[in-house]
C-alpha cells in the first residue's frame, strides 16, 4: 500500500472489486444500489443522507427518515453486512442531561462520529432557525442531547474522529435559514464539546463549475499519512435547478484549516437513474464512510436524489493519487483561514 490509513481495521466492510471501464475518478457504485429503498418502514416515505459506523462486529447507523407528513427525523438502523438494513420503528429518543425527553422540532442529514469512547450524532435542526443539533451515546440506547455548538444559521456539521492539538474539531457550513444560495466550509474547535471557538475558514465555493454555488462537509475525515482525506459535496446551478456532486480534498494533519490538495474534478456526480430521478433530482450527498486500514478499502455512503441510499467503493491509495494529480488550490485554501 502506498499510503497509510490511521484508523481501526474493519475487515468486514462491504466491497466489490473495481469493474472494467471506469472513467474519471477511481470510484465505482455498488451494483445492487440503492441499499435503502423508498418506504423502508411504516410512516417513513424515504431514507437518505444518513451515516453508518462499525459497532460490536456489525454495523449501526443514524438515518434521515422523511416521514409521510414531510417532517424529517433521525431513525436508528442496524445491519450485519452494512448493505441490508433494519430500522427501529420509532424515532431516536433523545433526552436532556436529566434524562427527560427532549426531542428536536425536526432533524435531518445526521452524521455519526466516534471520538474516544463516545459516539456523537450531529444533525441540522431548528434552533429558532436552521442550526446544528448534537447528542451523545455510548450504548445506542440512551441518546443525551448536548449544547448546540453554534447559533443559527448553520448546516453540514462534521466532527473529526479525534482531538487535534488537544481540542475537538468540527467542520460546518454557515448559511442562511432558507435553501442557502451560498456557502463555504469553516472549522471550529472546542475543549469540552460545549464552548466552540477558534473559527477558521477552510475552503470556498466557486472554484470549479460543479461546486460553484456552495460546498459542505460530507463524511467524517479519514486520517491518513498524507493528511485528512475529506469527501465533501459541491453544488452547481443549472437552468433546471441545483446539482449536487461529491468532491475530494486533503487537509493538513495538524492544521486542518489548511488545504494541501483539492481535486478540481468531481469524484462522483449524478449519473445513475436513482441519482438523477427522485424527490429532489440530481443529488449525490455524502454522509459517511466505512474504511479498513488493513486493505485501504473505502465504502462511501451517500443520499441519492433525496430518496434512497447508495454506496460507492474506492481504494484509498487510488483516490488520494487522483486528488493529488488533479489538485488545484488557491490562496484561500492554503492560508490558515484567520483574518
C-alpha atoms as a PDB file:
ATOM      1  CA  UNK A   1       0.000   0.000   0.000  1.00  0.00           C
ATOM      2  CA  UNK A   2       1.303   3.445  -0.919  1.00  0.00           C
ATOM      3  CA  UNK A   3      -0.318   5.446   1.898  1.00  0.00           C
ATOM      4  CA  UNK A   4      -1.163   4.586   5.483  1.00  0.00           C
ATOM      5  CA  UNK A   5      -4.712   4.843   6.820  1.00  0.00           C
ATOM      6  CA  UNK A   6      -4.652   5.701  10.531  1.00  0.00           C
ATOM      7  CA  UNK A   7      -7.830   4.045  11.735  1.00  0.00           C
ATOM      8  CA  UNK A   8      -9.006   0.734  13.190  1.00  0.00           C
ATOM      9  CA  UNK A   9      -9.209  -2.289  10.940  1.00  0.00           C
ATOM     10  CA  UNK A  10     -12.744  -3.121   9.795  1.00  0.00           C
ATOM     11  CA  UNK A  11     -12.272  -6.324   7.807  1.00  0.00           C
ATOM     12  CA  UNK A  12     -15.980  -6.950   7.202  1.00  0.00           C
ATOM     13  CA  UNK A  13     -16.815  -3.716   5.380  1.00  0.00           C
ATOM     14  CA  UNK A  14     -18.790  -4.302   2.180  1.00  0.00           C
ATOM     15  CA  UNK A  15     -16.775  -4.456  -1.009  1.00  0.00           C
ATOM     16  CA  UNK A  16     -16.987  -5.097  -4.738  1.00  0.00           C
ATOM     17  CA  UNK A  17     -13.934  -5.221  -6.947  1.00  0.00           C
ATOM     18  CA  UNK A  18     -13.435  -2.454  -9.445  1.00  0.00           C
ATOM     19  CA  UNK A  19     -15.259  -3.170 -12.714  1.00  0.00           C
ATOM     20  CA  UNK A  20     -13.733  -2.650 -16.122  1.00  0.00           C
ATOM     21  CA  UNK A  21     -14.236   0.624 -17.957  1.00  0.00           C
ATOM     22  CA  UNK A  22     -14.252   3.104 -15.061  1.00  0.00           C
ATOM     23  CA  UNK A  23     -13.665   6.611 -16.408  1.00  0.00           C
ATOM     24  CA  UNK A  24     -12.706   9.678 -14.414  1.00  0.00           C
ATOM     25  CA  UNK A  25     -12.162   9.233 -10.691  1.00  0.00           C
ATOM     26  CA  UNK A  26     -11.340   5.714  -9.469  1.00  0.00           C
ATOM     27  CA  UNK A  27     -14.643   5.174  -7.653  1.00  0.00           C
ATOM     28  CA  UNK A  28     -17.500   2.873  -8.578  1.00  0.00           C
ATOM     29  CA  UNK A  29     -21.083   2.300  -7.485  1.00  0.00           C
ATOM     30  CA  UNK A  30     -22.318  -0.840  -5.755  1.00  0.00           C
ATOM     31  CA  UNK A  31     -24.042  -2.902  -8.430  1.00  0.00           C
ATOM     32  CA  UNK A  32     -27.090  -3.511  -6.207  1.00  0.00           C
ATOM     33  CA  UNK A  33     -27.735   0.145  -5.329  1.00  0.00           C
ATOM     34  CA  UNK A  34     -29.772   1.528  -3.718  1.00  0.00           C
ATOM     35  CA  UNK A  35     -29.119  -0.239  -0.421  1.00  0.00           C
ATOM     36  CA  UNK A  36     -32.076   1.529   1.239  1.00  0.00           C
ATOM     37  CA  UNK A  37     -35.111   1.972  -0.969  1.00  0.00           C
ATOM     38  CA  UNK A  38     -38.287   4.019  -0.557  1.00  0.00           C
ATOM     39  CA  UNK A  39     -40.914   3.357   2.136  1.00  0.00           C
ATOM     40  CA  UNK A  40     -38.492   1.417   4.375  1.00  0.00           C
ATOM     41  CA  UNK A  41     -40.738   1.387   7.457  1.00  0.00           C
ATOM     42  CA  UNK A  42     -44.300   2.354   8.262  1.00  0.00           C
ATOM     43  CA  UNK A  43     -44.746   6.119   8.338  1.00  0.00           C
ATOM     44  CA  UNK A  44     -41.413   6.867   6.613  1.00  0.00           C
ATOM     45  CA  UNK A  45     -41.508   7.606   2.896  1.00  0.00           C
ATOM     46  CA  UNK A  46     -37.796   7.947   2.220  1.00  0.00           C
ATOM     47  CA  UNK A  47     -34.441   7.398   3.945  1.00  0.00           C
ATOM     48  CA  UNK A  48     -31.380   9.216   2.562  1.00  0.00           C
ATOM     49  CA  UNK A  49     -28.455  11.445   3.673  1.00  0.00           C
ATOM     50  CA  UNK A  50     -27.553   9.088   6.522  1.00  0.00           C
ATOM     51  CA  UNK A  51     -24.448   7.947   8.396  1.00  0.00           C
ATOM     52  CA  UNK A  52     -23.183   4.495   9.391  1.00  0.00           C
ATOM     53  CA  UNK A  53     -20.395   3.078  11.607  1.00  0.00           C
ATOM     54  CA  UNK A  54     -18.915  -0.241  12.709  1.00  0.00           C
ATOM     55  CA  UNK A  55     -20.309  -1.373  16.050  1.00  0.00           C
ATOM     56  CA  UNK A  56     -19.689  -4.579  18.030  1.00  0.00           C
ATOM     57  CA  UNK A  57     -18.561  -6.503  14.967  1.00  0.00           C
ATOM     58  CA  UNK A  58     -21.554  -5.411  12.935  1.00  0.00           C
ATOM     59  CA  UNK A  59     -22.848  -2.004  11.779  1.00  0.00           C
ATOM     60  CA  UNK A  60     -25.122   0.705  13.096  1.00  0.00           C
ATOM     61  CA  UNK A  61     -26.354   3.968  11.631  1.00  0.00           C
ATOM     62  CA  UNK A  62     -28.398   7.114  12.094  1.00  0.00           C
ATOM     63  CA  UNK A  63     -30.729   7.713   9.204  1.00  0.00           C
ATOM     64  CA  UNK A  64     -32.657  10.689   7.892  1.00  0.00           C
ATOM     65  CA  UNK A  65     -36.213   9.425   7.759  1.00  0.00           C
ATOM     66  CA  UNK A  66     -38.604  11.667   5.857  1.00  0.00           C
ATOM     67  CA  UNK A  67     -41.973  10.918   7.440  1.00  0.00           C
ATOM     68  CA  UNK A  68     -45.130  10.670   5.365  1.00  0.00           C
ATOM     69  CA  UNK A  69     -46.156  14.052   6.804  1.00  0.00           C
ATOM     70  CA  UNK A  70     -42.967  15.530   5.328  1.00  0.00           C
ATOM     71  CA  UNK A  71     -41.160  16.186   8.618  1.00  0.00           C
ATOM     72  CA  UNK A  72     -37.655  14.658   8.873  1.00  0.00           C
ATOM     73  CA  UNK A  73     -36.369  12.888  11.989  1.00  0.00           C
ATOM     74  CA  UNK A  74     -33.469  10.638  12.905  1.00  0.00           C
ATOM     75  CA  UNK A  75     -34.018   6.868  13.000  1.00  0.00           C
ATOM     76  CA  UNK A  76     -31.636   4.133  14.143  1.00  0.00           C
ATOM     77  CA  UNK A  77     -30.690   1.283  11.809  1.00  0.00           C
ATOM     78  CA  UNK A  78     -28.678  -1.918  12.209  1.00  0.00           C
ATOM     79  CA  UNK A  79     -27.029  -4.303   9.788  1.00  0.00           C
ATOM     80  CA  UNK A  80     -24.873  -7.425   9.744  1.00  0.00           C
ATOM     81  CA  UNK A  81     -23.225  -6.529   6.423  1.00  0.00           C
ATOM     82  CA  UNK A  82     -23.779  -2.729   6.063  1.00  0.00           C
ATOM     83  CA  UNK A  83     -25.871  -3.370   2.952  1.00  0.00           C
ATOM     84  CA  UNK A  84     -29.121  -4.851   4.277  1.00  0.00           C
ATOM     85  CA  UNK A  85     -30.626  -2.677   6.997  1.00  0.00           C
ATOM     86  CA  UNK A  86     -33.372  -2.972   9.578  1.00  0.00           C
ATOM     87  CA  UNK A  87     -34.724   0.146  11.262  1.00  0.00           C
ATOM     88  CA  UNK A  88     -36.315   0.964  14.583  1.00  0.00           C
ATOM     89  CA  UNK A  89     -39.936   1.873  14.020  1.00  0.00           C
ATOM     90  CA  UNK A  90     -39.734   4.811  16.417  1.00  0.00           C
ATOM     91  CA  UNK A  91     -37.576   7.911  16.162  1.00  0.00           C
ATOM     92  CA  UNK A  92     -34.322   8.104  18.136  1.00  0.00           C
ATOM     93  CA  UNK A  93     -35.495   9.001  21.687  1.00  0.00           C
ATOM     94  CA  UNK A  94     -33.351  11.999  22.566  1.00  0.00           C
ATOM     95  CA  UNK A  95     -33.266  13.110  26.214  1.00  0.00           C
ATOM     96  CA  UNK A  96     -31.745  16.044  28.072  1.00  0.00           C
ATOM     97  CA  UNK A  97     -28.939  15.732  30.609  1.00  0.00           C
ATOM     98  CA  UNK A  98     -31.508  14.955  33.336  1.00  0.00           C
ATOM     99  CA  UNK A  99     -32.884  12.054  31.319  1.00  0.00           C
ATOM    100  CA  UNK A 100     -36.118  13.804  30.379  1.00  0.00           C
ATOM    101  CA  UNK A 101     -37.482  13.574  26.814  1.00  0.00           C
ATOM    102  CA  UNK A 102     -36.026  16.348  24.639  1.00  0.00           C
ATOM    103  CA  UNK A 103     -36.965  15.809  21.025  1.00  0.00           C
ATOM    104  CA  UNK A 104     -35.932  18.256  18.289  1.00  0.00           C
ATOM    105  CA  UNK A 105     -38.616  20.022  16.280  1.00  0.00           C
ATOM    106  CA  UNK A 106     -37.146  18.271  13.258  1.00  0.00           C
ATOM    107  CA  UNK A 107     -33.776  16.705  12.435  1.00  0.00           C
ATOM    108  CA  UNK A 108     -32.121  15.890   9.136  1.00  0.00           C
ATOM    109  CA  UNK A 109     -28.829  14.929   7.443  1.00  0.00           C
ATOM    110  CA  UNK A 110     -27.317  13.255  10.530  1.00  0.00           C
ATOM    111  CA  UNK A 111     -23.670  12.321  10.909  1.00  0.00           C
ATOM    112  CA  UNK A 112     -22.314   9.741  13.325  1.00  0.00           C
ATOM    113  CA  UNK A 113     -18.727  10.010  14.554  1.00  0.00           C
ATOM    114  CA  UNK A 114     -16.894   8.197  17.339  1.00  0.00           C
ATOM    115  CA  UNK A 115     -14.385  10.267  19.307  1.00  0.00           C
ATOM    116  CA  UNK A 116     -12.562   8.398  22.061  1.00  0.00           C
ATOM    117  CA  UNK A 117     -15.213   6.251  23.811  1.00  0.00           C
ATOM    118  CA  UNK A 118     -18.286   8.245  22.792  1.00  0.00           C
ATOM    119  CA  UNK A 119     -20.462   8.308  19.688  1.00  0.00           C
ATOM    120  CA  UNK A 120     -21.725  11.736  18.623  1.00  0.00           C
ATOM    121  CA  UNK A 121     -24.769  12.333  16.460  1.00  0.00           C
ATOM    122  CA  UNK A 122     -24.804  15.666  14.652  1.00  0.00           C
ATOM    123  CA  UNK A 123     -27.771  16.927  12.637  1.00  0.00           C
ATOM    124  CA  UNK A 124     -29.446  20.033  11.291  1.00  0.00           C
ATOM    125  CA  UNK A 125     -32.476  21.098  13.305  1.00  0.00           C
ATOM    126  CA  UNK A 126     -34.456  24.075  14.459  1.00  0.00           C
ATOM    127  CA  UNK A 127     -32.809  26.416  16.970  1.00  0.00           C
ATOM    128  CA  UNK A 128     -35.057  29.377  16.127  1.00  0.00           C
ATOM    129  CA  UNK A 129     -33.663  28.933  12.632  1.00  0.00           C
ATOM    130  CA  UNK A 130     -31.628  26.243  10.901  1.00  0.00           C
ATOM    131  CA  UNK A 131     -28.740  25.253  13.174  1.00  0.00           C
ATOM    132  CA  UNK A 132     -26.701  22.308  14.418  1.00  0.00           C
ATOM    133  CA  UNK A 133     -28.028  19.862  16.998  1.00  0.00           C
ATOM    134  CA  UNK A 134     -25.854  17.315  18.814  1.00  0.00           C
ATOM    135  CA  UNK A 135     -26.266  14.301  21.064  1.00  0.00           C
ATOM    136  CA  UNK A 136     -24.008  11.637  22.531  1.00  0.00           C
ATOM    137  CA  UNK A 137     -24.324   7.942  23.317  1.00  0.00           C
ATOM    138  CA  UNK A 138     -22.104   5.089  24.406  1.00  0.00           C
ATOM    139  CA  UNK A 139     -24.582   2.229  24.031  1.00  0.00           C
ATOM    140  CA  UNK A 140     -27.109   3.336  21.367  1.00  0.00           C
ATOM    141  CA  UNK A 141     -29.814   3.039  23.998  1.00  0.00           C
ATOM    142  CA  UNK A 142     -29.580   6.417  25.730  1.00  0.00           C
ATOM    143  CA  UNK A 143     -29.129   9.466  23.479  1.00  0.00           C
ATOM    144  CA  UNK A 144     -28.343  12.573  25.514  1.00  0.00           C
ATOM    145  CA  UNK A 145     -28.525  15.932  23.785  1.00  0.00           C
ATOM    146  CA  UNK A 146     -25.685  18.334  24.434  1.00  0.00           C
ATOM    147  CA  UNK A 147     -25.425  22.050  23.841  1.00  0.00           C
ATOM    148  CA  UNK A 148     -25.945  23.325  20.306  1.00  0.00           C
ATOM    149  CA  UNK A 149     -22.469  24.338  19.136  1.00  0.00           C
ATOM    150  CA  UNK A 150     -23.488  27.385  17.079  1.00  0.00           C
ATOM    151  CA  UNK A 151     -26.223  29.957  16.822  1.00  0.00           C
ATOM    152  CA  UNK A 152     -28.294  29.988  13.614  1.00  0.00           C
ATOM    153  CA  UNK A 153     -27.716  29.702  10.784  1.00  0.00           C
ATOM    154  CA  UNK A 154     -25.570  26.665  10.056  1.00  0.00           C
ATOM    155  CA  UNK A 155     -25.617  23.245   8.404  1.00  0.00           C
ATOM    156  CA  UNK A 156     -23.429  20.265   7.491  1.00  0.00           C
ATOM    157  CA  UNK A 157     -21.512  19.890  10.736  1.00  0.00           C
ATOM    158  CA  UNK A 158     -18.968  17.052  10.705  1.00  0.00           C
ATOM    159  CA  UNK A 159     -16.694  16.064  13.608  1.00  0.00           C
ATOM    160  CA  UNK A 160     -13.125  14.890  13.166  1.00  0.00           C
ATOM    161  CA  UNK A 161     -12.689  11.404  14.681  1.00  0.00           C
ATOM    162  CA  UNK A 162     -10.057  12.511  17.199  1.00  0.00           C
ATOM    163  CA  UNK A 163      -8.902  15.602  19.037  1.00  0.00           C
ATOM    164  CA  UNK A 164      -6.387  17.773  17.223  1.00  0.00           C
ATOM    165  CA  UNK A 165      -3.922  19.766  19.334  1.00  0.00           C
ATOM    166  CA  UNK A 166      -5.998  18.842  22.384  1.00  0.00           C
ATOM    167  CA  UNK A 167      -9.349  20.081  21.078  1.00  0.00           C
ATOM    168  CA  UNK A 168     -12.398  18.591  19.443  1.00  0.00           C
ATOM    169  CA  UNK A 169     -12.630  19.888  15.877  1.00  0.00           C
ATOM    170  CA  UNK A 170     -15.702  20.248  13.681  1.00  0.00           C
ATOM    171  CA  UNK A 171     -16.405  21.402  10.132  1.00  0.00           C
ATOM    172  CA  UNK A 172     -19.570  23.350   9.362  1.00  0.00           C
ATOM    173  CA  UNK A 173     -21.148  25.480   6.678  1.00  0.00           C
ATOM    174  CA  UNK A 174     -22.574  28.823   7.885  1.00  0.00           C
ATOM    175  CA  UNK A 175     -25.704  29.655   5.945  1.00  0.00           C
ATOM    176  CA  UNK A 176     -28.989  31.486   5.967  1.00  0.00           C
ATOM    177  CA  UNK A 177     -32.313  29.982   7.009  1.00  0.00           C
ATOM    178  CA  UNK A 178     -33.506  29.106   3.515  1.00  0.00           C
ATOM    179  CA  UNK A 179     -32.143  26.851   0.810  1.00  0.00           C
ATOM    180  CA  UNK A 180     -28.802  28.609   1.060  1.00  0.00           C
ATOM    181  CA  UNK A 181     -27.609  30.102  -2.244  1.00  0.00           C
ATOM    182  CA  UNK A 182     -24.031  30.322  -0.937  1.00  0.00           C
ATOM    183  CA  UNK A 183     -21.660  28.581   1.430  1.00  0.00           C
ATOM    184  CA  UNK A 184     -18.036  27.862   2.370  1.00  0.00           C
ATOM    185  CA  UNK A 185     -16.625  25.273   4.776  1.00  0.00           C
ATOM    186  CA  UNK A 186     -15.352  26.539   8.135  1.00  0.00           C
ATOM    187  CA  UNK A 187     -13.688  24.843  11.101  1.00  0.00           C
ATOM    188  CA  UNK A 188     -14.245  25.347  14.827  1.00  0.00           C
ATOM    189  CA  UNK A 189     -12.597  23.951  17.961  1.00  0.00           C
ATOM    190  CA  UNK A 190     -13.791  23.077  21.451  1.00  0.00           C
ATOM    191  CA  UNK A 191     -12.028  21.873  24.603  1.00  0.00           C
ATOM    192  CA  UNK A 192     -15.188  20.287  26.017  1.00  0.00           C
ATOM    193  CA  UNK A 193     -17.906  19.925  23.313  1.00  0.00           C
ATOM    194  CA  UNK A 194     -19.740  22.844  24.923  1.00  0.00           C
ATOM    195  CA  UNK A 195     -17.846  26.019  24.083  1.00  0.00           C
ATOM    196  CA  UNK A 196     -16.762  26.457  20.468  1.00  0.00           C
ATOM    197  CA  UNK A 197     -14.341  28.992  19.033  1.00  0.00           C
ATOM    198  CA  UNK A 198     -11.058  29.449  17.147  1.00  0.00           C
ATOM    199  CA  UNK A 199     -13.120  29.552  13.959  1.00  0.00           C
ATOM    200  CA  UNK A 200     -11.138  29.192  10.729  1.00  0.00           C
ATOM    201  CA  UNK A 201     -12.037  29.291   7.054  1.00  0.00           C
ATOM    202  CA  UNK A 202     -11.185  26.045   5.234  1.00  0.00           C
ATOM    203  CA  UNK A 203     -12.445  26.136   1.646  1.00  0.00           C
ATOM    204  CA  UNK A 204     -14.511  28.429  -0.561  1.00  0.00           C
ATOM    205  CA  UNK A 205     -17.126  27.523  -3.106  1.00  0.00           C
ATOM    206  CA  UNK A 206     -16.885  28.853  -6.623  1.00  0.00           C
ATOM    207  CA  UNK A 207     -13.554  27.426  -7.759  1.00  0.00           C
ATOM    208  CA  UNK A 208     -14.995  24.981 -10.299  1.00  0.00           C
ATOM    209  CA  UNK A 209     -18.371  24.943 -12.040  1.00  0.00           C
ATOM    210  CA  UNK A 210     -19.540  21.741 -10.353  1.00  0.00           C
ATOM    211  CA  UNK A 211     -19.106  23.384  -6.910  1.00  0.00           C
ATOM    212  CA  UNK A 212     -19.721  26.999  -7.881  1.00  0.00           C
ATOM    213  CA  UNK A 213     -22.720  27.704  -5.610  1.00  0.00           C
ATOM    214  CA  UNK A 214     -21.832  26.152  -2.253  1.00  0.00           C
ATOM    215  CA  UNK A 215     -19.893  23.345  -0.617  1.00  0.00           C
ATOM    216  CA  UNK A 216     -20.290  21.446   2.638  1.00  0.00           C
ATOM    217  CA  UNK A 217     -18.613  18.770   4.702  1.00  0.00           C
ATOM    218  CA  UNK A 218     -19.676  15.218   3.980  1.00  0.00           C
ATOM    219  CA  UNK A 219     -18.226  12.150   5.640  1.00  0.00           C
ATOM    220  CA  UNK A 220     -16.046  12.423   8.740  1.00  0.00           C
ATOM    221  CA  UNK A 221     -12.447  12.996   7.578  1.00  0.00           C
ATOM    222  CA  UNK A 222     -10.239   9.912   7.350  1.00  0.00           C
ATOM    223  CA  UNK A 223      -6.786  10.221   8.915  1.00  0.00           C
ATOM    224  CA  UNK A 224      -4.014   9.203   6.516  1.00  0.00           C
ATOM    225  CA  UNK A 225      -0.256   9.609   6.153  1.00  0.00           C
ATOM    226  CA  UNK A 226      -0.951  12.370   3.586  1.00  0.00           C
ATOM    227  CA  UNK A 227      -3.386  14.325   5.787  1.00  0.00           C
ATOM    228  CA  UNK A 228      -7.119  14.235   6.425  1.00  0.00           C
ATOM    229  CA  UNK A 229      -8.993  12.762   3.443  1.00  0.00           C
ATOM    230  CA  UNK A 230     -12.268  14.636   3.084  1.00  0.00           C
ATOM    231  CA  UNK A 231     -15.214  13.735   0.881  1.00  0.00           C
ATOM    232  CA  UNK A 232     -17.495  16.766   0.603  1.00  0.00           C
ATOM    233  CA  UNK A 233     -20.413  17.924  -1.513  1.00  0.00           C
ATOM    234  CA  UNK A 234     -20.382  20.702  -4.084  1.00  0.00           C
ATOM    235  CA  UNK A 235     -23.385  22.330  -5.721  1.00  0.00           C
ATOM    236  CA  UNK A 236     -23.810  23.753  -9.213  1.00  0.00           C
ATOM    237  CA  UNK A 237     -26.801  25.627 -10.550  1.00  0.00           C
ATOM    238  CA  UNK A 238     -28.328  24.883 -13.921  1.00  0.00           C
ATOM    239  CA  UNK A 239     -31.342  26.072 -15.890  1.00  0.00           C
ATOM    240  CA  UNK A 240     -33.176  23.135 -14.270  1.00  0.00           C
ATOM    241  CA  UNK A 241     -32.049  23.638 -10.657  1.00  0.00           C
ATOM    242  CA  UNK A 242     -29.218  22.611  -8.346  1.00  0.00           C
ATOM    243  CA  UNK A 243     -26.944  19.622  -8.974  1.00  0.00           C
ATOM    244  CA  UNK A 244     -25.105  18.034  -6.006  1.00  0.00           C
ATOM    245  CA  UNK A 245     -21.821  16.231  -6.657  1.00  0.00           C
ATOM    246  CA  UNK A 246     -19.093  14.736  -4.439  1.00  0.00           C
ATOM    247  CA  UNK A 247     -15.591  16.180  -4.276  1.00  0.00           C
ATOM    248  CA  UNK A 248     -12.344  15.242  -2.558  1.00  0.00           C
ATOM    249  CA  UNK A 249      -9.662  17.174  -0.677  1.00  0.00           C
ATOM    250  CA  UNK A 250      -6.764  16.505   1.688  1.00  0.00           C
ATOM    251  CA  UNK A 251      -6.376  18.747   4.737  1.00  0.00           C
ATOM    252  CA  UNK A 252      -3.215  19.303   6.776  1.00  0.00           C
ATOM    253  CA  UNK A 253      -2.978  16.767   9.566  1.00  0.00           C
ATOM    254  CA  UNK A 254      -2.111  19.267  12.350  1.00  0.00           C
ATOM    255  CA  UNK A 255      -3.790  22.394  10.960  1.00  0.00           C
ATOM    256  CA  UNK A 256      -6.847  21.139   9.033  1.00  0.00           C
ATOM    257  CA  UNK A 257      -7.976  24.617   8.018  1.00  0.00           C
ATOM    258  CA  UNK A 258      -5.081  24.395   5.535  1.00  0.00           C
ATOM    259  CA  UNK A 259      -5.959  22.527   2.338  1.00  0.00           C
ATOM    260  CA  UNK A 260      -2.992  20.632   0.908  1.00  0.00           C
ATOM    261  CA  UNK A 261      -4.743  19.191  -2.138  1.00  0.00           C
ATOM    262  CA  UNK A 262      -8.170  19.831  -3.651  1.00  0.00           C
ATOM    263  CA  UNK A 263      -9.433  17.954  -6.674  1.00  0.00           C
ATOM    264  CA  UNK A 264     -10.646  20.247  -9.440  1.00  0.00           C
ATOM    265  CA  UNK A 265     -12.890  17.461 -10.768  1.00  0.00           C
ATOM    266  CA  UNK A 266     -15.845  15.936  -9.007  1.00  0.00           C
ATOM    267  CA  UNK A 267     -15.319  12.440  -7.603  1.00  0.00           C
ATOM    268  CA  UNK A 268     -18.922  11.365  -8.205  1.00  0.00           C
ATOM    269  CA  UNK A 269     -21.826  13.169  -9.887  1.00  0.00           C
ATOM    270  CA  UNK A 270     -25.433  12.131 -10.571  1.00  0.00           C
ATOM    271  CA  UNK A 271     -25.415   9.640 -13.426  1.00  0.00           C
ATOM    272  CA  UNK A 272     -27.388   6.597 -12.275  1.00  0.00           C
ATOM    273  CA  UNK A 273     -31.164   6.617 -12.660  1.00  0.00           C
ATOM    274  CA  UNK A 274     -31.748   6.632  -8.873  1.00  0.00           C
ATOM    275  CA  UNK A 275     -29.448   9.693  -8.558  1.00  0.00           C
ATOM    276  CA  UNK A 276     -30.958  11.681 -11.422  1.00  0.00           C
ATOM    277  CA  UNK A 277     -34.591  10.860 -10.699  1.00  0.00           C
ATOM    278  CA  UNK A 278     -36.268  11.214  -7.326  1.00  0.00           C
ATOM    279  CA  UNK A 279     -37.881  13.573  -4.854  1.00  0.00           C
ATOM    280  CA  UNK A 280     -35.057  16.061  -5.468  1.00  0.00           C
ATOM    281  CA  UNK A 281     -33.406  15.126  -8.787  1.00  0.00           C
ATOM    282  CA  UNK A 282     -29.664  15.182  -9.475  1.00  0.00           C
ATOM    283  CA  UNK A 283     -28.249  14.738  -5.990  1.00  0.00           C
ATOM    284  CA  UNK A 284     -25.404  12.643  -4.587  1.00  0.00           C
ATOM    285  CA  UNK A 285     -24.778  13.704  -0.977  1.00  0.00           C
ATOM    286  CA  UNK A 286     -22.020  12.018   1.096  1.00  0.00           C
ATOM    287  CA  UNK A 287     -22.515  11.498   4.835  1.00  0.00           C
ATOM    288  CA  UNK A 288     -20.268   8.613   5.911  1.00  0.00           C
ATOM    289  CA  UNK A 289     -17.567   6.131   5.045  1.00  0.00           C
ATOM    290  CA  UNK A 290     -16.673   2.692   6.260  1.00  0.00           C
ATOM    291  CA  UNK A 291     -12.945   2.140   5.835  1.00  0.00           C
ATOM    292  CA  UNK A 292     -10.455  -0.616   6.594  1.00  0.00           C
ATOM    293  CA  UNK A 293      -6.850   0.221   7.450  1.00  0.00           C
ATOM    294  CA  UNK A 294      -5.630  -3.282   6.599  1.00  0.00           C
ATOM    295  CA  UNK A 295      -6.669  -3.038   2.925  1.00  0.00           C
ATOM    296  CA  UNK A 296      -7.178   0.754   2.436  1.00  0.00           C
ATOM    297  CA  UNK A 297     -10.666  -0.034   1.149  1.00  0.00           C
ATOM    298  CA  UNK A 298     -13.338   2.658   1.495  1.00  0.00           C
ATOM    299  CA  UNK A 299     -17.107   2.316   1.186  1.00  0.00           C
ATOM    300  CA  UNK A 300     -18.718   5.743   0.754  1.00  0.00           C
ATOM    301  CA  UNK A 301     -22.390   6.120   1.754  1.00  0.00           C
ATOM    302  CA  UNK A 302     -24.435   8.821   0.093  1.00  0.00           C
ATOM    303  CA  UNK A 303     -28.003  10.003  -0.305  1.00  0.00           C
ATOM    304  CA  UNK A 304     -29.323   9.853  -3.860  1.00  0.00           C
ATOM    305  CA  UNK A 305     -31.987  12.253  -5.175  1.00  0.00           C
ATOM    306  CA  UNK A 306     -33.246  12.802  -1.596  1.00  0.00           C
ATOM    307  CA  UNK A 307     -34.938   9.428  -1.980  1.00  0.00           C
ATOM    308  CA  UNK A 308     -32.625   6.458  -1.321  1.00  0.00           C
ATOM    309  CA  UNK A 309     -29.170   5.473  -0.016  1.00  0.00           C
ATOM    310  CA  UNK A 310     -26.328   4.411  -2.296  1.00  0.00           C
ATOM    311  CA  UNK A 311     -22.831   3.052  -1.727  1.00  0.00           C
ATOM    312  CA  UNK A 312     -19.702   3.600  -3.804  1.00  0.00           C
ATOM    313  CA  UNK A 313     -16.298   1.951  -3.423  1.00  0.00           C
ATOM    314  CA  UNK A 314     -12.726   3.138  -3.840  1.00  0.00           C
ATOM    315  CA  UNK A 315      -9.201   2.300  -2.726  1.00  0.00           C
ATOM    316  CA  UNK A 316      -7.583   4.993  -0.596  1.00  0.00           C
ATOM    317  CA  UNK A 317      -4.285   4.906  -2.495  1.00  0.00           C
ATOM    318  CA  UNK A 318      -6.033   5.423  -5.825  1.00  0.00           C
ATOM    319  CA  UNK A 319      -8.364   8.183  -4.653  1.00  0.00           C
ATOM    320  CA  UNK A 320      -5.534  10.105  -2.944  1.00  0.00           C
ATOM    321  CA  UNK A 321      -3.423   9.870  -6.101  1.00  0.00           C
ATOM    322  CA  UNK A 322      -6.369  11.101  -8.177  1.00  0.00           C
ATOM    323  CA  UNK A 323      -6.923  14.083  -5.873  1.00  0.00           C
ATOM    324  CA  UNK A 324      -3.225  14.963  -5.920  1.00  0.00           C
ATOM    325  CA  UNK A 325      -2.889  14.514  -9.686  1.00  0.00           C
ATOM    326  CA  UNK A 326      -5.872  16.806 -10.318  1.00  0.00           C
ATOM    327  CA  UNK A 327      -5.313  19.248  -7.480  1.00  0.00           C
ATOM    328  CA  UNK A 328      -5.868  22.985  -7.839  1.00  0.00           C
ATOM    329  CA  UNK A 329      -5.509  25.030  -4.657  1.00  0.00           C
ATOM    330  CA  UNK A 330      -5.791  28.771  -4.249  1.00  0.00           C
ATOM    331  CA  UNK A 331      -4.690  31.245  -1.607  1.00  0.00           C
ATOM    332  CA  UNK A 332      -7.913  30.962   0.406  1.00  0.00           C
ATOM    333  CA  UNK A 333      -7.378  27.188   0.546  1.00  0.00           C
ATOM    334  CA  UNK A 334      -3.775  27.170   1.672  1.00  0.00           C
ATOM    335  CA  UNK A 335      -3.827  30.031   4.196  1.00  0.00           C
ATOM    336  CA  UNK A 336      -4.576  29.296   7.849  1.00  0.00           C
ATOM    337  CA  UNK A 337      -8.063  30.786   7.487  1.00  0.00           C
ATOM    338  CA  UNK A 338      -7.877  33.586  10.042  1.00  0.00           C
ATOM    339  CA  UNK A 339      -8.397  37.271   9.265  1.00  0.00           C
END
